[in-house]
């Protein structure tokens, strides 16, 4: 029962951030889901890929090629909307 309460609280927090269009500070790597990735650092380091309007972040240099080989396989993993390019 305690696990359910913790999961519900986590979902409420995540849902709240999404509803308010707030980008999380960390996100799971789509290849190695148990590895958390700092979004700002990964962006600075170019450790991301865009696919169908979503941006996916990687924990290491080995994950990007795996993602790019079959992005549809990882499309349901955590991601953020692809940032709009500045004019």
Protein backbone atom coordinates (compact mmCIF):
# COMPACT_ATOMS: atom_id res chain seq x y z
CA UNK A 1 0.00 0.00 0.00
CA UNK A 2 2.88 2.35 0.81
CA UNK A 3 4.37 1.78 -2.69
CA UNK A 4 1.06 2.75 -4.30
CA UNK A 5 0.97 6.00 -2.32
CA UNK A 6 4.56 6.83 -3.32
CA UNK A 7 3.87 6.07 -6.99
CA UNK A 8 0.66 8.12 -6.92
CA UNK A 9 2.51 11.06 -5.37
CA UNK A 10 5.29 10.84 -7.98
CA UNK A 11 2.75 10.74 -10.81
CA UNK A 12 0.92 13.73 -9.36
CA UNK A 13 4.16 15.71 -9.21
CA UNK A 14 5.15 14.72 -12.77
CA UNK A 15 1.67 15.37 -14.07
CA UNK A 16 1.64 18.77 -12.41
CA UNK A 17 4.93 19.75 -14.08
CA UNK A 18 3.66 18.60 -17.46
CA UNK A 19 0.36 20.40 -17.03
CA UNK A 20 2.23 23.62 -16.24
CA UNK A 21 4.60 23.12 -19.23
CA UNK A 22 7.61 22.91 -16.93
CA UNK A 23 10.58 20.98 -18.25
CA UNK A 24 11.98 18.53 -15.69
CA UNK A 25 15.63 18.92 -14.67
CA UNK A 26 16.37 15.23 -15.17
CA UNK A 27 14.96 12.57 -17.44
CA UNK A 28 15.57 8.87 -17.97
CA UNK A 29 17.84 7.78 -20.80
CA UNK A 30 15.65 5.94 -23.34
CA UNK A 31 18.24 3.19 -23.79
CA UNK A 32 19.34 2.71 -20.17
CA UNK A 33 16.13 3.69 -18.39
CA UNK A 34 17.63 3.39 -14.92
CA UNK A 35 20.15 6.16 -15.74
CA UNK A 36 19.01 9.72 -15.12
CA UNK A 37 20.24 12.47 -17.43
CA UNK A 38 20.57 16.17 -16.58
CA UNK A 39 18.72 17.90 -19.43
CA UNK A 40 20.75 21.12 -19.38
CA UNK A 41 24.10 19.29 -19.42
CA UNK A 42 22.97 16.81 -22.09
CA UNK A 43 21.76 19.67 -24.28
CA UNK A 44 25.06 21.51 -23.86
CA UNK A 45 26.99 18.32 -24.68
CA UNK A 46 24.79 17.42 -27.68
CA UNK A 47 23.67 14.19 -26.02
CA UNK A 48 20.16 14.14 -27.47
CA UNK A 49 18.18 13.25 -30.57
CA UNK A 50 14.89 14.54 -31.93
CA UNK A 51 12.25 12.15 -33.22
CA UNK A 52 8.69 12.96 -34.31
CA UNK A 53 8.51 16.23 -32.40
CA UNK A 54 10.07 14.85 -29.21
CA UNK A 55 13.59 15.20 -27.78
CA UNK A 56 15.31 12.23 -26.12
CA UNK A 57 18.41 12.58 -23.92
CA UNK A 58 21.25 10.08 -23.51
CA UNK A 59 23.42 9.17 -20.55
CA UNK A 60 26.49 8.30 -22.64
CA UNK A 61 27.92 8.31 -26.15
CA UNK A 62 26.93 4.68 -26.72
CA UNK A 63 23.21 5.30 -26.34
CA UNK A 64 22.72 7.77 -29.21
CA UNK A 65 23.69 5.28 -31.97
CA UNK A 66 21.38 2.63 -30.49
CA UNK A 67 18.51 5.13 -30.46
CA UNK A 68 19.21 6.35 -33.99
CA UNK A 69 19.31 2.77 -35.28
CA UNK A 70 15.68 2.15 -34.22
CA UNK A 71 14.07 5.29 -32.72
CA UNK A 72 10.53 3.90 -32.95
CA UNK A 73 11.54 1.20 -30.45
CA UNK A 74 12.25 3.89 -27.84
CA UNK A 75 9.53 6.42 -28.77
CA UNK A 76 7.45 5.66 -25.66
CA UNK A 77 10.32 6.46 -23.30
CA UNK A 78 10.45 9.77 -21.39
CA UNK A 79 11.06 12.81 -23.58
CA UNK A 80 10.22 16.49 -23.89
CA UNK A 81 8.73 18.38 -26.84
CA UNK A 82 11.41 19.35 -29.35
CA UNK A 83 12.31 22.96 -28.55
CA UNK A 84 11.30 25.46 -31.19
CA UNK A 85 14.18 27.03 -33.09
CA UNK A 86 14.72 30.71 -32.47
CA UNK A 87 14.25 32.91 -35.52
